[in-house]
Amino acid sequence: IDLMAVRPREIFGIEGGKIEPGMPADICVYDLNKKFTVDSNRF
């Protein structure tokens, strides 16, 4: 998450990167147990 969400914001001055009151509600929710097969036709 640091590599893909936090550090990019720090380097390029993009707001956000924390889940705490007052921060922009820019969030995602992942199901980490969900298994799937990559099918590029469904991109």
ModelCIF file with pLDDT and N, C-alpha, C, O atoms, coordinates in Angstrom:
data_MODEL
#
_entry.id   MODEL 
#
_entity.id                         1 
_entity.type                       polymer 
_entity.pdbx_number_of_molecules   1 
#
_entity_poly.entity_id                      1 
_entity_poly.type                           'polypeptide(L)' 
_entity_poly.nstd_linkage                   no 
_entity_poly.nstd_monomer                   no 
_entity_poly.pdbx_seq_one_letter_code       IDLMAVRPREIFGIEGGKIEPGMPADICVYDLNKKFTVDSNRF 
_entity_poly.pdbx_seq_one_letter_code_can   IDLMAVRPREIFGIEGGKIEPGMPADICVYDLNKKFTVDSNRF 
_entity_poly.pdbx_strand_id                 A 
#
loop_
_entity_poly_seq.entity_id 
_entity_poly_seq.num 
_entity_poly_seq.mon_id 
_entity_poly_seq.hetero 
1 1  ILE n 
1 2  ASP n 
1 3  LEU n 
1 4  MET n 
1 5  ALA n 
1 6  VAL n 
1 7  ARG n 
1 8  PRO n 
1 9  ARG n 
1 10 GLU n 
1 11 ILE n 
1 12 PHE n 
1 13 GLY n 
1 14 ILE n 
1 15 GLU n 
1 16 GLY n 
1 17 GLY n 
1 18 LYS n 
1 19 ILE n 
1 20 GLU n 
1 21 PRO n 
1 22 GLY n 
1 23 MET n 
1 24 PRO n 
1 25 ALA n 
1 26 ASP n 
1 27 ILE n 
1 28 CYS n 
1 29 VAL n 
1 30 TYR n 
1 31 ASP n 
1 32 LEU n 
1 33 ASN n 
1 34 LYS n 
1 35 LYS n 
1 36 PHE n 
1 37 THR n 
1 38 VAL n 
1 39 ASP n 
1 40 SER n 
1 41 ASN n 
1 42 ARG n 
1 43 PHE n 
#
_struct_asym.id          A 
_struct_asym.entity_id   1 
#
loop_
_ma_qa_metric.id 
_ma_qa_metric.mode 
_ma_qa_metric.name 
_ma_qa_metric.software_group_id 
_ma_qa_metric.type 
1 global pLDDT . pLDDT 
2 local  pLDDT . pLDDT 
#
_ma_qa_metric_global.metric_id      1 
_ma_qa_metric_global.metric_value   97.37 
_ma_qa_metric_global.model_id       1 
_ma_qa_metric_global.ordinal_id     1 
#
loop_
_ma_qa_metric_local.label_asym_id 
_ma_qa_metric_local.label_comp_id 
_ma_qa_metric_local.label_seq_id 
_ma_qa_metric_local.metric_id 
_ma_qa_metric_local.metric_value 
_ma_qa_metric_local.model_id 
_ma_qa_metric_local.ordinal_id 
A ILE 1  2 98.00 1 1  
A ASP 2  2 98.00 1 2  
A LEU 3  2 98.00 1 3  
A MET 4  2 98.00 1 4  
A ALA 5  2 98.00 1 5  
A VAL 6  2 98.00 1 6  
A ARG 7  2 98.00 1 7  
A PRO 8  2 98.00 1 8  
A ARG 9  2 98.00 1 9  
A GLU 10 2 98.00 1 10 
A ILE 11 2 98.00 1 11 
A PHE 12 2 98.00 1 12 
A GLY 13 2 98.00 1 13 
A ILE 14 2 98.00 1 14 
A GLU 15 2 96.00 1 15 
A GLY 16 2 95.00 1 16 
A GLY 17 2 96.00 1 17 
A LYS 18 2 96.00 1 18 
A ILE 19 2 97.00 1 19 
A GLU 20 2 96.00 1 20 
A PRO 21 2 97.00 1 21 
A GLY 22 2 97.00 1 22 
A MET 23 2 97.00 1 23 
A PRO 24 2 97.00 1 24 
A ALA 25 2 98.00 1 25 
A ASP 26 2 98.00 1 26 
A ILE 27 2 98.00 1 27 
A CYS 28 2 98.00 1 28 
A VAL 29 2 98.00 1 29 
A TYR 30 2 98.00 1 30 
A ASP 31 2 97.00 1 31 
A LEU 32 2 96.00 1 32 
A ASN 33 2 95.00 1 33 
A LYS 34 2 96.00 1 34 
A LYS 35 2 97.00 1 35 
A PHE 36 2 98.00 1 36 
A THR 37 2 98.00 1 37 
A VAL 38 2 98.00 1 38 
A ASP 39 2 98.00 1 39 
A SER 40 2 98.00 1 40 
A ASN 41 2 97.00 1 41 
A ARG 42 2 97.00 1 42 
A PHE 43 2 98.00 1 43 
#
loop_
_atom_site.group_PDB 
_atom_site.id 
_atom_site.type_symbol 
_atom_site.label_atom_id 
_atom_site.label_alt_id 
_atom_site.label_comp_id 
_atom_site.label_asym_id 
_atom_site.label_entity_id 
_atom_site.label_seq_id 
_atom_site.pdbx_PDB_ins_code 
_atom_site.Cartn_x 
_atom_site.Cartn_y 
_atom_site.Cartn_z 
_atom_site.occupancy 
_atom_site.B_iso_or_equiv 
_atom_site.pdbx_formal_charge 
_atom_site.auth_seq_id 
_atom_site.auth_comp_id 
_atom_site.auth_asym_id 
_atom_site.auth_atom_id 
_atom_site.pdbx_PDB_model_num 
ATOM 1   N N  . ILE A 1 1  ? 0.836   -1.206  0.000   1.00 98.00 ? 1  ILE A N  1 
ATOM 2   C CA . ILE A 1 1  ? 0.000   0.000   0.000   1.00 98.00 ? 1  ILE A CA 1 
ATOM 3   C C  . ILE A 1 1  ? 0.871   1.258   0.000   1.00 98.00 ? 1  ILE A C  1 
ATOM 4   O O  . ILE A 1 1  ? 0.541   2.246   -0.655  1.00 98.00 ? 1  ILE A O  1 
ATOM 5   N N  . ASP A 1 2  ? 1.973   1.218   0.729   1.00 98.00 ? 2  ASP A N  1 
ATOM 6   C CA . ASP A 1 2  ? 2.898   2.342   0.727   1.00 98.00 ? 2  ASP A CA 1 
ATOM 7   C C  . ASP A 1 2  ? 3.434   2.594   -0.682  1.00 98.00 ? 2  ASP A C  1 
ATOM 8   O O  . ASP A 1 2  ? 3.541   3.742   -1.114  1.00 98.00 ? 2  ASP A O  1 
ATOM 9   N N  . LEU A 1 3  ? 3.767   1.532   -1.386  1.00 98.00 ? 3  LEU A N  1 
ATOM 10  C CA . LEU A 1 3  ? 4.334   1.633   -2.730  1.00 98.00 ? 3  LEU A CA 1 
ATOM 11  C C  . LEU A 1 3  ? 3.317   2.096   -3.770  1.00 98.00 ? 3  LEU A C  1 
ATOM 12  O O  . LEU A 1 3  ? 3.678   2.735   -4.758  1.00 98.00 ? 3  LEU A O  1 
ATOM 13  N N  . MET A 1 4  ? 2.042   1.768   -3.542  1.00 98.00 ? 4  MET A N  1 
ATOM 14  C CA . MET A 1 4  ? 1.023   2.016   -4.568  1.00 98.00 ? 4  MET A CA 1 
ATOM 15  C C  . MET A 1 4  ? 0.037   3.122   -4.218  1.00 98.00 ? 4  MET A C  1 
ATOM 16  O O  . MET A 1 4  ? -0.722  3.563   -5.081  1.00 98.00 ? 4  MET A O  1 
ATOM 17  N N  . ALA A 1 5  ? 0.034   3.576   -2.975  1.00 98.00 ? 5  ALA A N  1 
ATOM 18  C CA . ALA A 1 5  ? -0.961  4.580   -2.576  1.00 98.00 ? 5  ALA A CA 1 
ATOM 19  C C  . ALA A 1 5  ? -0.381  5.734   -1.770  1.00 98.00 ? 5  ALA A C  1 
ATOM 20  O O  . ALA A 1 5  ? -0.827  6.873   -1.908  1.00 98.00 ? 5  ALA A O  1 
ATOM 21  N N  . VAL A 1 6  ? 0.611   5.450   -0.930  1.00 98.00 ? 6  VAL A N  1 
ATOM 22  C CA . VAL A 1 6  ? 1.123   6.484   -0.025  1.00 98.00 ? 6  VAL A CA 1 
ATOM 23  C C  . VAL A 1 6  ? 2.283   7.254   -0.645  1.00 98.00 ? 6  VAL A C  1 
ATOM 24  O O  . VAL A 1 6  ? 2.217   8.476   -0.782  1.00 98.00 ? 6  VAL A O  1 
ATOM 25  N N  . ARG A 1 7  ? 3.347   6.542   -1.019  1.00 98.00 ? 7  ARG A N  1 
ATOM 26  C CA . ARG A 1 7  ? 4.526   7.223   -1.573  1.00 98.00 ? 7  ARG A CA 1 
ATOM 27  C C  . ARG A 1 7  ? 4.240   7.991   -2.871  1.00 98.00 ? 7  ARG A C  1 
ATOM 28  O O  . ARG A 1 7  ? 4.776   9.083   -3.056  1.00 98.00 ? 7  ARG A O  1 
ATOM 29  N N  . PRO A 1 8  ? 3.411   7.448   -3.772  1.00 98.00 ? 8  PRO A N  1 
ATOM 30  C CA . PRO A 1 8  ? 3.113   8.259   -4.964  1.00 98.00 ? 8  PRO A CA 1 
ATOM 31  C C  . PRO A 1 8  ? 2.536   9.619   -4.614  1.00 98.00 ? 8  PRO A C  1 
ATOM 32  O O  . PRO A 1 8  ? 2.873   10.619  -5.249  1.00 98.00 ? 8  PRO A O  1 
ATOM 33  N N  . ARG A 1 9  ? 1.670   9.667   -3.611  1.00 98.00 ? 9  ARG A N  1 
ATOM 34  C CA . ARG A 1 9  ? 1.090   10.942  -3.187  1.00 98.00 ? 9  ARG A CA 1 
ATOM 35  C C  . ARG A 1 9  ? 2.153   11.855  -2.601  1.00 98.00 ? 9  ARG A C  1 
ATOM 36  O O  . ARG A 1 9  ? 2.175   13.052  -2.888  1.00 98.00 ? 9  ARG A O  1 
ATOM 37  N N  . GLU A 1 10 ? 3.034   11.296  -1.781  1.00 98.00 ? 10 GLU A N  1 
ATOM 38  C CA . GLU A 1 10 ? 4.068   12.114  -1.146  1.00 98.00 ? 10 GLU A CA 1 
ATOM 39  C C  . GLU A 1 10 ? 5.002   12.722  -2.183  1.00 98.00 ? 10 GLU A C  1 
ATOM 40  O O  . GLU A 1 10 ? 5.351   13.899  -2.089  1.00 98.00 ? 10 GLU A O  1 
ATOM 41  N N  . ILE A 1 11 ? 5.406   11.937  -3.162  1.00 98.00 ? 11 ILE A N  1 
ATOM 42  C CA . ILE A 1 11 ? 6.380   12.403  -4.150  1.00 98.00 ? 11 ILE A CA 1 
ATOM 43  C C  . ILE A 1 11 ? 5.789   13.478  -5.051  1.00 98.00 ? 11 ILE A C  1 
ATOM 44  O O  . ILE A 1 11 ? 6.460   14.461  -5.366  1.00 98.00 ? 11 ILE A O  1 
ATOM 45  N N  . PHE A 1 12 ? 4.528   13.299  -5.473  1.00 98.00 ? 12 PHE A N  1 
ATOM 46  C CA . PHE A 1 12 ? 3.935   14.213  -6.446  1.00 98.00 ? 12 PHE A CA 1 
ATOM 47  C C  . PHE A 1 12 ? 2.941   15.198  -5.826  1.00 98.00 ? 12 PHE A C  1 
ATOM 48  O O  . PHE A 1 12 ? 2.256   15.922  -6.549  1.00 98.00 ? 12 PHE A O  1 
ATOM 49  N N  . GLY A 1 13 ? 2.860   15.230  -4.495  1.00 98.00 ? 13 GLY A N  1 
ATOM 50  C CA . GLY A 1 13 ? 2.033   16.233  -3.828  1.00 98.00 ? 13 GLY A CA 1 
ATOM 51  C C  . GLY A 1 13 ? 0.549   16.065  -4.051  1.00 98.00 ? 13 GLY A C  1 
ATOM 52  O O  . GLY A 1 13 ? -0.184  17.045  -4.187  1.00 98.00 ? 13 GLY A O  1 
ATOM 53  N N  . ILE A 1 14 ? 0.100   14.806  -4.088  1.00 98.00 ? 14 ILE A N  1 
ATOM 54  C CA . ILE A 1 14 ? -1.320  14.501  -4.270  1.00 98.00 ? 14 ILE A CA 1 
ATOM 55  C C  . ILE A 1 14 ? -1.948  14.270  -2.903  1.00 98.00 ? 14 ILE A C  1 
ATOM 56  O O  . ILE A 1 14 ? -1.431  13.503  -2.091  1.00 98.00 ? 14 ILE A O  1 
ATOM 57  N N  . GLU A 1 15 ? -3.052  14.932  -2.662  1.00 96.00 ? 15 GLU A N  1 
ATOM 58  C CA . GLU A 1 15 ? -3.692  14.888  -1.347  1.00 96.00 ? 15 GLU A CA 1 
ATOM 59  C C  . GLU A 1 15 ? -4.173  13.475  -1.009  1.00 96.00 ? 15 GLU A C  1 
ATOM 60  O O  . GLU A 1 15 ? -4.516  12.692  -1.895  1.00 96.00 ? 15 GLU A O  1 
ATOM 61  N N  . GLY A 1 16 ? -4.189  13.166  0.294   1.00 95.00 ? 16 GLY A N  1 
ATOM 62  C CA . GLY A 1 16 ? -4.746  11.897  0.747   1.00 95.00 ? 16 GLY A CA 1 
ATOM 63  C C  . GLY A 1 16 ? -3.672  10.948  1.235   1.00 95.00 ? 16 GLY A C  1 
ATOM 64  O O  . GLY A 1 16 ? -2.566  11.358  1.585   1.00 95.00 ? 16 GLY A O  1 
ATOM 65  N N  . GLY A 1 17 ? -4.022  9.660   1.252   1.00 96.00 ? 17 GLY A N  1 
ATOM 66  C CA . GLY A 1 17 ? -3.068  8.642   1.671   1.00 96.00 ? 17 GLY A CA 1 
ATOM 67  C C  . GLY A 1 17 ? -3.248  8.145   3.087   1.00 96.00 ? 17 GLY A C  1 
ATOM 68  O O  . GLY A 1 17 ? -2.516  7.264   3.538   1.00 96.00 ? 17 GLY A O  1 
ATOM 69  N N  . LYS A 1 18 ? -4.234  8.712   3.802   1.00 96.00 ? 18 LYS A N  1 
ATOM 70  C CA . LYS A 1 18 ? -4.495  8.271   5.178   1.00 96.00 ? 18 LYS A CA 1 
ATOM 71  C C  . LYS A 1 18 ? -5.994  8.050   5.357   1.00 96.00 ? 18 LYS A C  1 
ATOM 72  O O  . LYS A 1 18 ? -6.817  8.740   4.755   1.00 96.00 ? 18 LYS A O  1 
ATOM 73  N N  . ILE A 1 19 ? -6.327  7.080   6.193   1.00 97.00 ? 19 ILE A N  1 
ATOM 74  C CA . ILE A 1 19 ? -7.726  6.839   6.543   1.00 97.00 ? 19 ILE A CA 1 
ATOM 75  C C  . ILE A 1 19 ? -7.938  7.380   7.946   1.00 97.00 ? 19 ILE A C  1 
ATOM 76  O O  . ILE A 1 19 ? -7.762  6.673   8.939   1.00 97.00 ? 19 ILE A O  1 
ATOM 77  N N  . GLU A 1 20 ? -8.320  8.645   8.006   1.00 96.00 ? 20 GLU A N  1 
ATOM 78  C CA . GLU A 1 20 ? -8.558  9.291   9.296   1.00 96.00 ? 20 GLU A CA 1 
ATOM 79  C C  . GLU A 1 20 ? -9.485  10.483  9.094   1.00 96.00 ? 20 GLU A C  1 
ATOM 80  O O  . GLU A 1 20 ? -9.585  11.001  7.982   1.00 96.00 ? 20 GLU A O  1 
ATOM 81  N N  . PRO A 1 21 ? -10.168 10.927  10.151  1.00 97.00 ? 21 PRO A N  1 
ATOM 82  C CA . PRO A 1 21 ? -11.132 12.025  10.016  1.00 97.00 ? 21 PRO A CA 1 
ATOM 83  C C  . PRO A 1 21 ? -10.508 13.271  9.379   1.00 97.00 ? 21 PRO A C  1 
ATOM 84  O O  . PRO A 1 21 ? -9.398  13.684  9.716   1.00 97.00 ? 21 PRO A O  1 
ATOM 85  N N  . GLY A 1 22 ? -11.267 13.847  8.448   1.00 97.00 ? 22 GLY A N  1 
ATOM 86  C CA . GLY A 1 22 ? -10.836 15.053  7.773   1.00 97.00 ? 22 GLY A CA 1 
ATOM 87  C C  . GLY A 1 22 ? -10.116 14.822  6.466   1.00 97.00 ? 22 GLY A C  1 
ATOM 88  O O  . GLY A 1 22 ? -9.925  15.754  5.684   1.00 97.00 ? 22 GLY A O  1 
ATOM 89  N N  . MET A 1 23 ? -9.709  13.573  6.219   1.00 97.00 ? 23 MET A N  1 
ATOM 90  C CA . MET A 1 23 ? -9.013  13.273  4.970   1.00 97.00 ? 23 MET A CA 1 
ATOM 91  C C  . MET A 1 23 ? -10.021 13.050  3.848   1.00 97.00 ? 23 MET A C  1 
ATOM 92  O O  . MET A 1 23 ? -11.152 12.642  4.110   1.00 97.00 ? 23 MET A O  1 
ATOM 93  N N  . PRO A 1 24 ? -9.632  13.311  2.610   1.00 97.00 ? 24 PRO A N  1 
ATOM 94  C CA . PRO A 1 24 ? -10.538 13.046  1.487   1.00 97.00 ? 24 PRO A CA 1 
ATOM 95  C C  . PRO A 1 24 ? -10.955 11.576  1.473   1.00 97.00 ? 24 PRO A C  1 
ATOM 96  O O  . PRO A 1 24 ? -10.135 10.693  1.724   1.00 97.00 ? 24 PRO A O  1 
ATOM 97  N N  . ALA A 1 25 ? -12.197 11.323  1.185   1.00 98.00 ? 25 ALA A N  1 
ATOM 98  C CA . ALA A 1 25 ? -12.702 9.942   1.155   1.00 98.00 ? 25 ALA A CA 1 
ATOM 99  C C  . ALA A 1 25 ? -12.387 9.315   -0.189  1.00 98.00 ? 25 ALA A C  1 
ATOM 100 O O  . ALA A 1 25 ? -13.282 8.969   -0.959  1.00 98.00 ? 25 ALA A O  1 
ATOM 101 N N  . ASP A 1 26 ? -11.086 9.174   -0.457  1.00 98.00 ? 26 ASP A N  1 
ATOM 102 C CA . ASP A 1 26 ? -10.573 8.507   -1.655  1.00 98.00 ? 26 ASP A CA 1 
ATOM 103 C C  . ASP A 1 26 ? -10.087 7.137   -1.205  1.00 98.00 ? 26 ASP A C  1 
ATOM 104 O O  . ASP A 1 26 ? -8.968  7.008   -0.709  1.00 98.00 ? 26 ASP A O  1 
ATOM 105 N N  . ILE A 1 27 ? -10.912 6.123   -1.372  1.00 98.00 ? 27 ILE A N  1 
ATOM 106 C CA . ILE A 1 27 ? -10.631 4.822   -0.778  1.00 98.00 ? 27 ILE A CA 1 
ATOM 107 C C  . ILE A 1 27 ? -11.023 3.692   -1.721  1.00 98.00 ? 27 ILE A C  1 
ATOM 108 O O  . ILE A 1 27 ? -11.770 3.884   -2.681  1.00 98.00 ? 27 ILE A O  1 
ATOM 109 N N  . CYS A 1 28 ? -10.502 2.518   -1.421  1.00 98.00 ? 28 CYS A N  1 
ATOM 110 C CA . CYS A 1 28 ? -10.951 1.303   -2.101  1.00 98.00 ? 28 CYS A CA 1 
ATOM 111 C C  . CYS A 1 28 ? -11.084 0.198   -1.055  1.00 98.00 ? 28 CYS A C  1 
ATOM 112 O O  . CYS A 1 28 ? -10.495 0.271   0.024   1.00 98.00 ? 28 CYS A O  1 
ATOM 113 N N  . VAL A 1 29 ? -11.865 -0.818  -1.391  1.00 98.00 ? 29 VAL A N  1 
ATOM 114 C CA . VAL A 1 29 ? -12.085 -1.964  -0.505  1.00 98.00 ? 29 VAL A CA 1 
ATOM 115 C C  . VAL A 1 29 ? -11.832 -3.232  -1.307  1.00 98.00 ? 29 VAL A C  1 
ATOM 116 O O  . VAL A 1 29 ? -12.541 -3.515  -2.273  1.00 98.00 ? 29 VAL A O  1 
ATOM 117 N N  . TYR A 1 30 ? -10.830 -3.987  -0.909  1.00 98.00 ? 30 TYR A N  1 
ATOM 118 C CA . TYR A 1 30 ? -10.438 -5.208  -1.608  1.00 98.00 ? 30 TYR A CA 1 
ATOM 119 C C  . TYR A 1 30 ? -10.812 -6.447  -0.810  1.00 98.00 ? 30 TYR A C  1 
ATOM 120 O O  . TYR A 1 30 ? -10.629 -6.489  0.406   1.00 98.00 ? 30 TYR A O  1 
ATOM 121 N N  . ASP A 1 31 ? -11.336 -7.452  -1.495  1.00 97.00 ? 31 ASP A N  1 
ATOM 122 C CA . ASP A 1 31 ? -11.486 -8.795  -0.944  1.00 97.00 ? 31 ASP A CA 1 
ATOM 123 C C  . ASP A 1 31 ? -10.221 -9.560  -1.314  1.00 97.00 ? 31 ASP A C  1 
ATOM 124 O O  . ASP A 1 31 ? -10.039 -9.964  -2.462  1.00 97.00 ? 31 ASP A O  1 
ATOM 125 N N  . LEU A 1 32 ? -9.355  -9.753  -0.329  1.00 96.00 ? 32 LEU A N  1 
ATOM 126 C CA . LEU A 1 32 ? -8.055  -10.347 -0.615  1.00 96.00 ? 32 LEU A CA 1 
ATOM 127 C C  . LEU A 1 32 ? -8.110  -11.857 -0.799  1.00 96.00 ? 32 LEU A C  1 
ATOM 128 O O  . LEU A 1 32 ? -7.155  -12.456 -1.294  1.00 96.00 ? 32 LEU A O  1 
ATOM 129 N N  . ASN A 1 33 ? -9.200  -12.467 -0.412  1.00 95.00 ? 33 ASN A N  1 
ATOM 130 C CA . ASN A 1 33 ? -9.340  -13.920 -0.584  1.00 95.00 ? 33 ASN A CA 1 
ATOM 131 C C  . ASN A 1 33 ? -10.004 -14.305 -1.891  1.00 95.00 ? 33 ASN A C  1 
ATOM 132 O O  . ASN A 1 33 ? -10.080 -15.487 -2.227  1.00 95.00 ? 33 ASN A O  1 
ATOM 133 N N  . LYS A 1 34 ? -10.484 -13.320 -2.626  1.00 96.00 ? 34 LYS A N  1 
ATOM 134 C CA . LYS A 1 34 ? -11.189 -13.599 -3.880  1.00 96.00 ? 34 LYS A CA 1 
ATOM 135 C C  . LYS A 1 34 ? -10.199 -14.035 -4.955  1.00 96.00 ? 34 LYS A C  1 
ATOM 136 O O  . LYS A 1 34 ? -9.291  -13.287 -5.317  1.00 96.00 ? 34 LYS A O  1 
ATOM 137 N N  . LYS A 1 35 ? -10.384 -15.243 -5.456  1.00 97.00 ? 35 LYS A N  1 
ATOM 138 C CA . LYS A 1 35 ? -9.499  -15.801 -6.474  1.00 97.00 ? 35 LYS A CA 1 
ATOM 139 C C  . LYS A 1 35 ? -10.164 -15.691 -7.843  1.00 97.00 ? 35 LYS A C  1 
ATOM 140 O O  . LYS A 1 35 ? -11.371 -15.891 -7.974  1.00 97.00 ? 35 LYS A O  1 
ATOM 141 N N  . PHE A 1 36 ? -9.368  -15.373 -8.858  1.00 98.00 ? 36 PHE A N  1 
ATOM 142 C CA . PHE A 1 36 ? -9.907  -15.253 -10.211 1.00 98.00 ? 36 PHE A CA 1 
ATOM 143 C C  . PHE A 1 36 ? -8.812  -15.535 -11.224 1.00 98.00 ? 36 PHE A C  1 
ATOM 144 O O  . PHE A 1 36 ? -7.629  -15.549 -10.886 1.00 98.00 ? 36 PHE A O  1 
ATOM 145 N N  . THR A 1 37 ? -9.206  -15.755 -12.442 1.00 98.00 ? 37 THR A N  1 
ATOM 146 C CA . THR A 1 37 ? -8.275  -15.971 -13.549 1.00 98.00 ? 37 THR A CA 1 
ATOM 147 C C  . THR A 1 37 ? -8.309  -14.758 -14.466 1.00 98.00 ? 37 THR A C  1 
ATOM 148 O O  . THR A 1 37 ? -9.381  -14.322 -14.883 1.00 98.00 ? 37 THR A O  1 
ATOM 149 N N  . VAL A 1 38 ? -7.151  -14.215 -14.777 1.00 98.00 ? 38 VAL A N  1 
ATOM 150 C CA . VAL A 1 38 ? -7.077  -13.032 -15.641 1.00 98.00 ? 38 VAL A CA 1 
ATOM 151 C C  . VAL A 1 38 ? -7.598  -13.382 -17.033 1.00 98.00 ? 38 VAL A C  1 
ATOM 152 O O  . VAL A 1 38 ? -7.119  -14.315 -17.678 1.00 98.00 ? 38 VAL A O  1 
ATOM 153 N N  . ASP A 1 39 ? -8.574  -12.622 -17.472 1.00 98.00 ? 39 ASP A N  1 
ATOM 154 C CA . ASP A 1 39 ? -9.148  -12.774 -18.811 1.00 98.00 ? 39 ASP A CA 1 
ATOM 155 C C  . ASP A 1 39 ? -9.187  -11.387 -19.442 1.00 98.00 ? 39 ASP A C  1 
ATOM 156 O O  . ASP A 1 39 ? -10.076 -10.589 -19.145 1.00 98.00 ? 39 ASP A O  1 
ATOM 157 N N  . SER A 1 40 ? -8.227  -11.106 -20.309 1.00 98.00 ? 40 SER A N  1 
ATOM 158 C CA . SER A 1 40 ? -8.111  -9.757  -20.869 1.00 98.00 ? 40 SER A CA 1 
ATOM 159 C C  . SER A 1 40 ? -9.327  -9.363  -21.691 1.00 98.00 ? 40 SER A C  1 
ATOM 160 O O  . SER A 1 40 ? -9.559  -8.171  -21.895 1.00 98.00 ? 40 SER A O  1 
ATOM 161 N N  . ASN A 1 41 ? -10.110 -10.322 -22.168 1.00 97.00 ? 41 ASN A N  1 
ATOM 162 C CA . ASN A 1 41 ? -11.315 -9.989  -22.922 1.00 97.00 ? 41 ASN A CA 1 
ATOM 163 C C  . ASN A 1 41 ? -12.356 -9.292  -22.048 1.00 97.00 ? 41 ASN A C  1 
ATOM 164 O O  . ASN A 1 41 ? -13.281 -8.661  -22.561 1.00 97.00 ? 41 ASN A O  1 
ATOM 165 N N  . ARG A 1 42 ? -12.205 -9.407  -20.736 1.00 97.00 ? 42 ARG A N  1 
ATOM 166 C CA . ARG A 1 42 ? -13.141 -8.779  -19.806 1.00 97.00 ? 42 ARG A CA 1 
ATOM 167 C C  . ARG A 1 42 ? -12.621 -7.457  -19.265 1.00 97.00 ? 42 ARG A C  1 
ATOM 168 O O  . ARG A 1 42 ? -13.258 -6.842  -18.409 1.00 97.00 ? 42 ARG A O  1 
ATOM 169 N N  . PHE A 1 43 ? -11.478 -7.017  -19.753 1.00 98.00 ? 43 PHE A N  1 
ATOM 170 C CA . PHE A 1 43 ? -10.937 -5.737  -19.302 1.00 98.00 ? 43 PHE A CA 1 
ATOM 171 C C  . PHE A 1 43 ? -11.869 -4.590  -19.696 1.00 98.00 ? 43 PHE A C  1 
ATOM 172 O O  . PHE A 1 43 ? -11.580 -3.431  -19.400 1.00 98.00 ? 43 PHE A O  1 
#
